Amino acid sequence: MLERKKTQVVQFLMKLRPNFEPIRASTFNRATLPNIDVVFGDLIRKETHISTLTFMDLSYTIDVAMYTLIGIHKSYKQSTFKKSRPKYFECKEHGHSTSHCK
């Protein structure tokens, strides 16, 4: 019966996706092959770690994008607005044509 359980663990590990290779390698490198419950625990821990990292990375990206959008939005409008409206030499005012210059 023990041999059958070991065979099931080995077959299960061999069918894992490539991103679980570290779990597979560490399990095979142990002195004794653990039972299926220990292997499942390792896999759940790895899945939780991957999903946490993915969520943290996504959250950071969204925060940076929002900060950048908000931070640039005000200064961008002001600088673009001033640059698009020429400042005249005579009166040093913005937004009127030479014919209407004081």
PDB file of N, CA and C in Angstrom:
ATOM      1  N   MET A   1       0.816  -1.196   0.000  1.00  0.00           N
ATOM      2  CA  MET A   1       0.000   0.000   0.000  1.00  0.00           C
ATOM      3  C   MET A   1       0.859   1.259   0.000  1.00  0.00           C
ATOM      4  N   LEU A   2       1.955   1.240   0.723  1.00  0.00           N
ATOM      5  CA  LEU A   2       2.849   2.384   0.796  1.00  0.00           C
ATOM      6  C   LEU A   2       3.457   2.687  -0.571  1.00  0.00           C
ATOM      7  N   GLU A   3       3.824   1.661  -1.294  1.00  0.00           N
ATOM      8  CA  GLU A   3       4.406   1.843  -2.630  1.00  0.00           C
ATOM      9  C   GLU A   3       3.403   2.494  -3.580  1.00  0.00           C
ATOM     10  N   ARG A   4       2.161   2.134  -3.462  1.00  0.00           N
ATOM     11  CA  ARG A   4       1.117   2.705  -4.325  1.00  0.00           C
ATOM     12  C   ARG A   4       0.955   4.209  -4.060  1.00  0.00           C
ATOM     13  N   LYS A   5       1.004   4.616  -2.795  1.00  0.00           N
ATOM     14  CA  LYS A   5       0.881   6.034  -2.450  1.00  0.00           C
ATOM     15  C   LYS A   5       2.077   6.828  -2.974  1.00  0.00           C
ATOM     16  N   LYS A   6       3.268   6.242  -2.880  1.00  0.00           N
ATOM     17  CA  LYS A   6       4.451   6.916  -3.417  1.00  0.00           C
ATOM     18  C   LYS A   6       4.330   7.097  -4.925  1.00  0.00           C
ATOM     19  N   THR A   7       3.835   6.074  -5.597  1.00  0.00           N
ATOM     20  CA  THR A   7       3.640   6.164  -7.048  1.00  0.00           C
ATOM     21  C   THR A   7       2.640   7.262  -7.393  1.00  0.00           C
ATOM     22  N   GLN A   8       1.576   7.385  -6.613  1.00  0.00           N
ATOM     23  CA  GLN A   8       0.589   8.439  -6.856  1.00  0.00           C
ATOM     24  C   GLN A   8       1.201   9.830  -6.671  1.00  0.00           C
ATOM     25  N   VAL A   9       2.024   9.991  -5.646  1.00  0.00           N
ATOM     26  CA  VAL A   9       2.684  11.282  -5.408  1.00  0.00           C
ATOM     27  C   VAL A   9       3.606  11.621  -6.572  1.00  0.00           C
ATOM     28  N   VAL A  10       4.396  10.651  -7.018  1.00  0.00           N
ATOM     29  CA  VAL A  10       5.314  10.877  -8.137  1.00  0.00           C
ATOM     30  C   VAL A  10       4.539  11.227  -9.401  1.00  0.00           C
ATOM     31  N   GLN A  11       3.481  10.487  -9.698  1.00  0.00           N
ATOM     32  CA  GLN A  11       2.683  10.778 -10.894  1.00  0.00           C
ATOM     33  C   GLN A  11       2.044  12.159 -10.809  1.00  0.00           C
ATOM     34  N   PHE A  12       1.560  12.506  -9.639  1.00  0.00           N
ATOM     35  CA  PHE A  12       0.959  13.826  -9.453  1.00  0.00           C
ATOM     36  C   PHE A  12       1.987  14.932  -9.692  1.00  0.00           C
ATOM     37  N   LEU A  13       3.168  14.772  -9.109  1.00  0.00           N
ATOM     38  CA  LEU A  13       4.215  15.790  -9.262  1.00  0.00           C
ATOM     39  C   LEU A  13       4.666  15.925 -10.716  1.00  0.00           C
ATOM     40  N   MET A  14       4.721  14.827 -11.427  1.00  0.00           N
ATOM     41  CA  MET A  14       5.175  14.874 -12.817  1.00  0.00           C
ATOM     42  C   MET A  14       4.175  15.588 -13.729  1.00  0.00           C
ATOM     43  N   LYS A  15       2.919  15.658 -13.326  1.00  0.00           N
ATOM     44  CA  LYS A  15       1.895  16.294 -14.160  1.00  0.00           C
ATOM     45  C   LYS A  15       1.693  17.773 -13.841  1.00  0.00           C
ATOM     46  N   LEU A  16       2.485  18.312 -12.923  1.00  0.00           N
ATOM     47  CA  LEU A  16       2.345  19.733 -12.580  1.00  0.00           C
ATOM     48  C   LEU A  16       2.851  20.624 -13.712  1.00  0.00           C
ATOM     49  N   ARG A  17       2.324  21.830 -13.757  1.00  0.00           N
ATOM     50  CA  ARG A  17       2.771  22.806 -14.760  1.00  0.00           C
ATOM     51  C   ARG A  17       4.223  23.195 -14.494  1.00  0.00           C
ATOM     52  N   PRO A  18       4.905  23.714 -15.512  1.00  0.00           N
ATOM     53  CA  PRO A  18       6.323  24.071 -15.360  1.00  0.00           C
ATOM     54  C   PRO A  18       6.600  25.128 -14.287  1.00  0.00           C
ATOM     55  N   ASN A  19       5.647  26.019 -14.013  1.00  0.00           N
ATOM     56  CA  ASN A  19       5.936  27.041 -13.003  1.00  0.00           C
ATOM     57  C   ASN A  19       5.986  26.462 -11.579  1.00  0.00           C
ATOM     58  N   PHE A  20       5.638  25.185 -11.420  1.00  0.00           N
ATOM     59  CA  PHE A  20       5.769  24.516 -10.131  1.00  0.00           C
ATOM     60  C   PHE A  20       7.008  23.623 -10.078  1.00  0.00           C
ATOM     61  N   GLU A  21       7.920  23.821 -10.976  1.00  0.00           N
ATOM     62  CA  GLU A  21       9.152  23.028 -11.008  1.00  0.00           C
ATOM     63  C   GLU A  21       9.935  23.118  -9.695  1.00  0.00           C
ATOM     64  N   PRO A  22      10.034  24.294  -9.059  1.00  0.00           N
ATOM     65  CA  PRO A  22      10.759  24.329  -7.777  1.00  0.00           C
ATOM     66  C   PRO A  22      10.138  23.425  -6.709  1.00  0.00           C
ATOM     67  N   ILE A  23       8.813  23.341  -6.674  1.00  0.00           N
ATOM     68  CA  ILE A  23       8.143  22.455  -5.709  1.00  0.00           C
ATOM     69  C   ILE A  23       8.457  20.998  -6.033  1.00  0.00           C
ATOM     70  N   ARG A  24       8.378  20.675  -7.319  1.00  0.00           N
ATOM     71  CA  ARG A  24       8.657  19.300  -7.751  1.00  0.00           C
ATOM     72  C   ARG A  24      10.095  18.927  -7.405  1.00  0.00           C
ATOM     73  N   ALA A  25      11.035  19.812  -7.717  1.00  0.00           N
ATOM     74  CA  ALA A  25      12.448  19.517  -7.461  1.00  0.00           C
ATOM     75  C   ALA A  25      12.726  19.378  -5.964  1.00  0.00           C
ATOM     76  N   SER A  26      12.173  20.291  -5.171  1.00  0.00           N
ATOM     77  CA  SER A  26      12.433  20.204  -3.727  1.00  0.00           C
ATOM     78  C   SER A  26      11.794  18.958  -3.116  1.00  0.00           C
ATOM     79  N   THR A  27      10.656  18.550  -3.649  1.00  0.00           N
ATOM     80  CA  THR A  27      10.000  17.341  -3.135  1.00  0.00           C
ATOM     81  C   THR A  27      10.817  16.096  -3.474  1.00  0.00           C
ATOM     82  N   PHE A  28      11.318  16.025  -4.706  1.00  0.00           N
ATOM     83  CA  PHE A  28      12.115  14.860  -5.104  1.00  0.00           C
ATOM     84  C   PHE A  28      13.480  14.837  -4.422  1.00  0.00           C
ATOM     85  N   ASN A  29      13.977  15.994  -3.996  1.00  0.00           N
ATOM     86  CA  ASN A  29      15.292  16.043  -3.354  1.00  0.00           C
ATOM     87  C   ASN A  29      15.242  15.783  -1.851  1.00  0.00           C
ATOM     88  N   ARG A  30      14.087  15.553  -1.300  1.00  0.00           N
ATOM     89  CA  ARG A  30      13.981  15.223   0.127  1.00  0.00           C
ATOM     90  C   ARG A  30      14.486  13.797   0.369  1.00  0.00           C
ATOM     91  N   ALA A  31      14.874  13.546   1.596  1.00  0.00           N
ATOM     92  CA  ALA A  31      15.383  12.210   1.944  1.00  0.00           C
ATOM     93  C   ALA A  31      14.306  11.146   1.749  1.00  0.00           C
ATOM     94  N   THR A  32      13.084  11.455   2.176  1.00  0.00           N
ATOM     95  CA  THR A  32      11.964  10.534   1.955  1.00  0.00           C
ATOM     96  C   THR A  32      10.858  11.295   1.237  1.00  0.00           C
ATOM     97  N   LEU A  33      10.164  10.608   0.388  1.00  0.00           N
ATOM     98  CA  LEU A  33       9.072  11.223  -0.367  1.00  0.00           C
ATOM     99  C   LEU A  33       7.900  11.492   0.581  1.00  0.00           C
ATOM    100  N   PRO A  34       7.447  12.757   0.671  1.00  0.00           N
ATOM    101  CA  PRO A  34       6.344  13.062   1.589  1.00  0.00           C
ATOM    102  C   PRO A  34       5.017  12.520   1.073  1.00  0.00           C
ATOM    103  N   ASN A  35       4.040  12.481   1.961  1.00  0.00           N
ATOM    104  CA  ASN A  35       2.721  12.024   1.522  1.00  0.00           C
ATOM    105  C   ASN A  35       2.028  13.137   0.730  1.00  0.00           C
ATOM    106  N   ILE A  36       0.909  12.815   0.153  1.00  0.00           N
ATOM    107  CA  ILE A  36       0.214  13.732  -0.746  1.00  0.00           C
ATOM    108  C   ILE A  36      -0.268  14.991  -0.020  1.00  0.00           C
ATOM    109  N   ASP A  37      -0.588  14.887   1.269  1.00  0.00           N
ATOM    110  CA  ASP A  37      -1.041  16.052   2.037  1.00  0.00           C
ATOM    111  C   ASP A  37       0.055  17.111   2.155  1.00  0.00           C
ATOM    112  N   VAL A  38       1.273  16.680   2.377  1.00  0.00           N
ATOM    113  CA  VAL A  38       2.402  17.610   2.465  1.00  0.00           C
ATOM    114  C   VAL A  38       2.642  18.275   1.113  1.00  0.00           C
ATOM    115  N   VAL A  39       2.551  17.502   0.047  1.00  0.00           N
ATOM    116  CA  VAL A  39       2.739  18.045  -1.303  1.00  0.00           C
ATOM    117  C   VAL A  39       1.655  19.077  -1.610  1.00  0.00           C
ATOM    118  N   PHE A  40       0.405  18.768  -1.266  1.00  0.00           N
ATOM    119  CA  PHE A  40      -0.684  19.730  -1.474  1.00  0.00           C
ATOM    120  C   PHE A  40      -0.441  21.007  -0.673  1.00  0.00           C
ATOM    121  N   GLY A  41       0.018  20.861   0.552  1.00  0.00           N
ATOM    122  CA  GLY A  41       0.324  22.035   1.379  1.00  0.00           C
ATOM    123  C   GLY A  41       1.380  22.917   0.740  1.00  0.00           C
ATOM    124  N   ASP A  42       2.433  22.289   0.205  1.00  0.00           N
ATOM    125  CA  ASP A  42       3.479  23.051  -0.488  1.00  0.00           C
ATOM    126  C   ASP A  42       2.917  23.777  -1.708  1.00  0.00           C
ATOM    127  N   LEU A  43       2.065  23.085  -2.453  1.00  0.00           N
ATOM    128  CA  LEU A  43       1.476  23.697  -3.653  1.00  0.00           C
ATOM    129  C   LEU A  43       0.547  24.857  -3.302  1.00  0.00           C
ATOM    130  N   ILE A  44      -0.245  24.689  -2.269  1.00  0.00           N
ATOM    131  CA  ILE A  44      -1.142  25.771  -1.850  1.00  0.00           C
ATOM    132  C   ILE A  44      -0.332  26.974  -1.380  1.00  0.00           C
ATOM    133  N   ARG A  45       0.741  26.732  -0.654  1.00  0.00           N
ATOM    134  CA  ARG A  45       1.610  27.819  -0.207  1.00  0.00           C
ATOM    135  C   ARG A  45       2.208  28.558  -1.403  1.00  0.00           C
ATOM    136  N   LYS A  46       2.658  27.812  -2.400  1.00  0.00           N
ATOM    137  CA  LYS A  46       3.241  28.424  -3.602  1.00  0.00           C
ATOM    138  C   LYS A  46       2.181  29.216  -4.374  1.00  0.00           C
ATOM    139  N   GLU A  47       0.980  28.665  -4.536  1.00  0.00           N
ATOM    140  CA  GLU A  47      -0.113  29.364  -5.233  1.00  0.00           C
ATOM    141  C   GLU A  47      -0.465  30.659  -4.515  1.00  0.00           C
ATOM    142  N   THR A  48      -0.550  30.606  -3.197  1.00  0.00           N
ATOM    143  CA  THR A  48      -0.863  31.803  -2.415  1.00  0.00           C
ATOM    144  C   THR A  48       0.221  32.851  -2.595  1.00  0.00           C
ATOM    145  N   HIS A  49       1.462  32.414  -2.584  1.00  0.00           N
ATOM    146  CA  HIS A  49       2.585  33.332  -2.772  1.00  0.00           C
ATOM    147  C   HIS A  49       2.525  33.990  -4.150  1.00  0.00           C
ATOM    148  N   ILE A  50       2.267  33.207  -5.182  1.00  0.00           N
ATOM    149  CA  ILE A  50       2.186  33.742  -6.551  1.00  0.00           C
ATOM    150  C   ILE A  50       1.033  34.725  -6.675  1.00  0.00           C
ATOM    151  N   SER A  51      -0.128  34.374  -6.149  1.00  0.00           N
ATOM    152  CA  SER A  51      -1.282  35.273  -6.274  1.00  0.00           C
ATOM    153  C   SER A  51      -1.080  36.547  -5.463  1.00  0.00           C
ATOM    154  N   THR A  52      -0.419  36.451  -4.311  1.00  0.00           N
ATOM    155  CA  THR A  52      -0.132  37.646  -3.518  1.00  0.00           C
ATOM    156  C   THR A  52       0.823  38.562  -4.262  1.00  0.00           C
ATOM    157  N   LEU A  53       1.863  38.006  -4.837  1.00  0.00           N
ATOM    158  CA  LEU A  53       2.811  38.823  -5.596  1.00  0.00           C
ATOM    159  C   LEU A  53       2.141  39.475  -6.791  1.00  0.00           C
ATOM    160  N   THR A  54       1.284  38.741  -7.471  1.00  0.00           N
ATOM    161  CA  THR A  54       0.574  39.283  -8.625  1.00  0.00           C
ATOM    162  C   THR A  54      -0.326  40.425  -8.195  1.00  0.00           C
ATOM    163  N   PHE A  55      -1.051  40.248  -7.100  1.00  0.00           N
ATOM    164  CA  PHE A  55      -1.944  41.298  -6.616  1.00  0.00           C
ATOM    165  C   PHE A  55      -1.154  42.518  -6.180  1.00  0.00           C
ATOM    166  N   MET A  56      -0.047  42.305  -5.463  1.00  0.00           N
ATOM    167  CA  MET A  56       0.759  43.431  -5.001  1.00  0.00           C
ATOM    168  C   MET A  56       1.347  44.187  -6.175  1.00  0.00           C
ATOM    169  N   ASP A  57       1.821  43.480  -7.164  1.00  0.00           N
ATOM    170  CA  ASP A  57       2.393  44.122  -8.343  1.00  0.00           C
ATOM    171  C   ASP A  57       1.332  44.911  -9.091  1.00  0.00           C
ATOM    172  N   LEU A  58       0.152  44.340  -9.251  1.00  0.00           N
ATOM    173  CA  LEU A  58      -0.945  45.025  -9.928  1.00  0.00           C
ATOM    174  C   LEU A  58      -1.374  46.247  -9.137  1.00  0.00           C
ATOM    175  N   SER A  59      -1.474  46.128  -7.822  1.00  0.00           N
ATOM    176  CA  SER A  59      -1.883  47.244  -6.974  1.00  0.00           C
ATOM    177  C   SER A  59      -0.872  48.377  -7.072  1.00  0.00           C
ATOM    178  N   TYR A  60       0.418  48.053  -7.046  1.00  0.00           N
ATOM    179  CA  TYR A  60       1.460  49.068  -7.150  1.00  0.00           C
ATOM    180  C   TYR A  60       1.389  49.761  -8.499  1.00  0.00           C
ATOM    181  N   THR A  61       1.175  49.008  -9.567  1.00  0.00           N
ATOM    182  CA  THR A  61       1.082  49.586 -10.904  1.00  0.00           C
ATOM    183  C   THR A  61      -0.093  50.544 -10.991  1.00  0.00           C
ATOM    184  N   ILE A  62      -1.227  50.170 -10.444  1.00  0.00           N
ATOM    185  CA  ILE A  62      -2.402  51.039 -10.476  1.00  0.00           C
ATOM    186  C   ILE A  62      -2.139  52.301  -9.664  1.00  0.00           C
ATOM    187  N   ASP A  63      -1.540  52.172  -8.474  1.00  0.00           N
ATOM    188  CA  ASP A  63      -1.250  53.338  -7.647  1.00  0.00           C
ATOM    189  C   ASP A  63      -0.312  54.297  -8.359  1.00  0.00           C
ATOM    190  N   VAL A  64       0.734  53.776  -8.969  1.00  0.00           N
ATOM    191  CA  VAL A  64       1.690  54.627  -9.669  1.00  0.00           C
ATOM    192  C   VAL A  64       1.033  55.304 -10.857  1.00  0.00           C
ATOM    193  N   ALA A  65       0.221  54.551 -11.596  1.00  0.00           N
ATOM    194  CA  ALA A  65      -0.453  55.133 -12.751  1.00  0.00           C
ATOM    195  C   ALA A  65      -1.407  56.237 -12.320  1.00  0.00           C
ATOM    196  N   MET A  66      -2.157  56.020 -11.251  1.00  0.00           N
ATOM    197  CA  MET A  66      -3.083  57.044 -10.775  1.00  0.00           C
ATOM    198  C   MET A  66      -2.325  58.258 -10.266  1.00  0.00           C
ATOM    199  N   TYR A  67      -1.242  58.042  -9.530  1.00  0.00           N
ATOM    200  CA  TYR A  67      -0.444  59.150  -9.023  1.00  0.00           C
ATOM    201  C   TYR A  67       0.136  59.947 -10.181  1.00  0.00           C
ATOM    202  N   THR A  68       0.641  59.249 -11.166  1.00  0.00           N
ATOM    203  CA  THR A  68       1.222  59.914 -12.322  1.00  0.00           C
ATOM    204  C   THR A  68       0.166  60.709 -13.064  1.00  0.00           C
ATOM    205  N   LEU A  69      -0.990  60.122 -13.262  1.00  0.00           N
ATOM    206  CA  LEU A  69      -2.063  60.807 -13.969  1.00  0.00           C
ATOM    207  C   LEU A  69      -2.503  62.045 -13.208  1.00  0.00           C
ATOM    208  N   ILE A  70      -2.685  61.937 -11.903  1.00  0.00           N
ATOM    209  CA  ILE A  70      -3.120  63.078 -11.102  1.00  0.00           C
ATOM    210  C   ILE A  70      -2.003  64.106 -10.996  1.00  0.00           C
ATOM    211  N   GLY A  71      -0.782  63.656 -10.781  1.00  0.00           N
ATOM    212  CA  GLY A  71       0.340  64.574 -10.635  1.00  0.00           C
ATOM    213  C   GLY A  71       0.631  65.348 -11.912  1.00  0.00           C
ATOM    214  N   ILE A  72       0.536  64.705 -13.039  1.00  0.00           N
ATOM    215  CA  ILE A  72       0.839  65.362 -14.309  1.00  0.00           C
ATOM    216  C   ILE A  72      -0.332  66.202 -14.784  1.00  0.00           C
ATOM    217  N   HIS A  73      -1.527  65.787 -14.473  1.00  0.00           N
ATOM    218  CA  HIS A  73      -2.721  66.417 -15.028  1.00  0.00           C
ATOM    219  C   HIS A  73      -2.739  67.927 -14.793  1.00  0.00           C
ATOM    220  N   LYS A  74      -2.541  68.377 -13.562  1.00  0.00           N
ATOM    221  CA  LYS A  74      -2.625  69.805 -13.250  1.00  0.00           C
ATOM    222  C   LYS A  74      -1.476  70.575 -13.882  1.00  0.00           C
ATOM    223  N   SER A  75      -0.261  70.111 -13.689  1.00  0.00           N
ATOM    224  CA  SER A  75       0.881  70.845 -14.225  1.00  0.00           C
ATOM    225  C   SER A  75       0.901  70.797 -15.749  1.00  0.00           C
ATOM    226  N   TYR A  76       0.444  69.700 -16.329  1.00  0.00           N
ATOM    227  CA  TYR A  76       0.430  69.585 -17.783  1.00  0.00           C
ATOM    228  C   TYR A  76      -0.525  70.599 -18.384  1.00  0.00           C
ATOM    229  N   LYS A  77      -1.714  70.715 -17.815  1.00  0.00           N
ATOM    230  CA  LYS A  77      -2.686  71.671 -18.339  1.00  0.00           C
ATOM    231  C   LYS A  77      -2.150  73.091 -18.244  1.00  0.00           C
ATOM    232  N   GLN A  78      -1.558  73.443 -17.123  1.00  0.00           N
ATOM    233  CA  GLN A  78      -1.075  74.806 -16.938  1.00  0.00           C
ATOM    234  C   GLN A  78       0.051  75.125 -17.909  1.00  0.00           C
ATOM    235  N   SER A  79       1.027  74.251 -18.007  1.00  0.00           N
ATOM    236  CA  SER A  79       2.155  74.543 -18.884  1.00  0.00           C
ATOM    237  C   SER A  79       1.732  74.524 -20.348  1.00  0.00           C
ATOM    238  N   THR A  80       0.845  73.625 -20.737  1.00  0.00           N
ATOM    239  CA  THR A  80       0.376  73.576 -22.118  1.00  0.00           C
ATOM    240  C   THR A  80      -0.454  74.805 -22.432  1.00  0.00           C
ATOM    241  N   PHE A  81      -1.267  75.214 -21.489  1.00  0.00           N
ATOM    242  CA  PHE A  81      -2.128  76.374 -21.698  1.00  0.00           C
ATOM    243  C   PHE A  81      -1.277  77.623 -21.910  1.00  0.00           C
ATOM    244  N   LYS A  82      -0.246  77.787 -21.098  1.00  0.00           N
ATOM    245  CA  LYS A  82       0.611  78.967 -21.237  1.00  0.00           C
ATOM    246  C   LYS A  82       1.426  78.913 -22.521  1.00  0.00           C
ATOM    247  N   LYS A  83       1.891  77.740 -22.897  1.00  0.00           N
ATOM    248  CA  LYS A  83       2.697  77.627 -24.106  1.00  0.00           C
ATOM    249  C   LYS A  83       1.859  77.823 -25.359  1.00  0.00           C
ATOM    250  N   SER A  84       0.588  77.429 -25.318  1.00  0.00           N
ATOM    251  CA  SER A  84      -0.242  77.564 -26.508  1.00  0.00           C
ATOM    252  C   SER A  84      -0.722  78.998 -26.698  1.00  0.00           C
ATOM    253  N   ARG A  85      -0.631  79.813 -25.684  1.00  0.00           N
ATOM    254  CA  ARG A  85      -1.030  81.218 -25.788  1.00  0.00           C
ATOM    255  C   ARG A  85       0.227  82.069 -25.732  1.00  0.00           C
ATOM    256  N   PRO A  86       0.614  82.673 -26.823  1.00  0.00           N
ATOM    257  CA  PRO A  86       1.871  83.434 -26.841  1.00  0.00           C
ATOM    258  C   PRO A  86       1.839  84.653 -25.927  1.00  0.00           C
ATOM    259  N   LYS A  87       2.991  84.993 -25.416  1.00  0.00           N
ATOM    260  CA  LYS A  87       3.144  86.171 -24.572  1.00  0.00           C
ATOM    261  C   LYS A  87       3.770  87.264 -25.440  1.00  0.00           C
ATOM    262  N   TYR A  88       3.133  88.407 -25.499  1.00  0.00           N
ATOM    263  CA  TYR A  88       3.597  89.467 -26.390  1.00  0.00           C
ATOM    264  C   TYR A  88       4.616  90.360 -25.707  1.00  0.00           C
ATOM    265  N   PHE A  89       5.560  90.826 -26.501  1.00  0.00           N
ATOM    266  CA  PHE A  89       6.678  91.624 -26.006  1.00  0.00           C
ATOM    267  C   PHE A  89       6.212  92.965 -25.436  1.00  0.00           C
ATOM    268  N   GLU A  90       5.255  93.594 -26.079  1.00  0.00           N
ATOM    269  CA  GLU A  90       4.809  94.929 -25.683  1.00  0.00           C
ATOM    270  C   GLU A  90       4.175  94.935 -24.288  1.00  0.00           C
ATOM    271  N   CYS A  91       3.142  94.127 -24.108  1.00  0.00           N
ATOM    272  CA  CYS A  91       2.375  94.191 -22.858  1.00  0.00           C
ATOM    273  C   CYS A  91       2.661  93.035 -21.902  1.00  0.00           C
ATOM    274  N   LYS A  92       3.365  92.023 -22.349  1.00  0.00           N
ATOM    275  CA  LYS A  92       3.695  90.833 -21.550  1.00  0.00           C
ATOM    276  C   LYS A  92       2.440  90.080 -21.087  1.00  0.00           C
ATOM    277  N   GLU A  93       1.342  90.148 -21.833  1.00  0.00           N
ATOM    278  CA  GLU A  93       0.088  89.462 -21.545  1.00  0.00           C
ATOM    279  C   GLU A  93      -0.073  88.274 -22.485  1.00  0.00           C
ATOM    280  N   HIS A  94      -0.905  87.320 -22.080  1.00  0.00           N
ATOM    281  CA  HIS A  94      -1.178  86.127 -22.876  1.00  0.00           C
ATOM    282  C   HIS A  94      -2.546  86.216 -23.523  1.00  0.00           C
ATOM    283  N   GLY A  95      -2.710  85.510 -24.652  1.00  0.00           N
ATOM    284  CA  GLY A  95      -4.019  85.203 -25.190  1.00  0.00           C
ATOM    285  C   GLY A  95      -4.687  86.239 -26.053  1.00  0.00           C
ATOM    286  N   HIS A  96      -3.974  87.132 -26.647  1.00  0.00           N
ATOM    287  CA  HIS A  96      -4.610  88.058 -27.581  1.00  0.00           C
ATOM    288  C   HIS A  96      -3.702  88.244 -28.784  1.00  0.00           C
ATOM    289  N   SER A  97      -4.262  88.762 -29.820  1.00  0.00           N
ATOM    290  CA  SER A  97      -3.471  88.944 -31.038  1.00  0.00           C
ATOM    291  C   SER A  97      -2.733  90.281 -30.983  1.00  0.00           C
ATOM    292  N   THR A  98      -1.783  90.442 -31.884  1.00  0.00           N
ATOM    293  CA  THR A  98      -0.992  91.666 -31.942  1.00  0.00           C
ATOM    294  C   THR A  98      -1.882  92.876 -32.217  1.00  0.00           C
ATOM    295  N   SER A  99      -2.909  92.701 -33.024  1.00  0.00           N
ATOM    296  CA  SER A  99      -3.788  93.827 -33.352  1.00  0.00           C
ATOM    297  C   SER A  99      -4.568  94.322 -32.130  1.00  0.00           C
ATOM    298  N   HIS A 100      -4.754  93.469 -31.132  1.00  0.00           N
ATOM    299  CA  HIS A 100      -5.480  93.864 -29.920  1.00  0.00           C
ATOM    300  C   HIS A 100      -4.549  94.154 -28.749  1.00  0.00           C
ATOM    301  N   CYS A 101      -3.260  94.220 -28.985  1.00  0.00           N
ATOM    302  CA  CYS A 101      -2.292  94.460 -27.920  1.00  0.00           C
ATOM    303  C   CYS A 101      -2.419  95.900 -27.424  1.00  0.00           C
ATOM    304  N   LYS A 102      -2.348  96.107 -26.150  1.00  0.00           N
ATOM    305  CA  LYS A 102      -2.521  97.436 -25.541  1.00  0.00           C
ATOM    306  C   LYS A 102      -1.350  98.338 -25.808  1.00  0.00           C
TER     307      LYS A 102
END
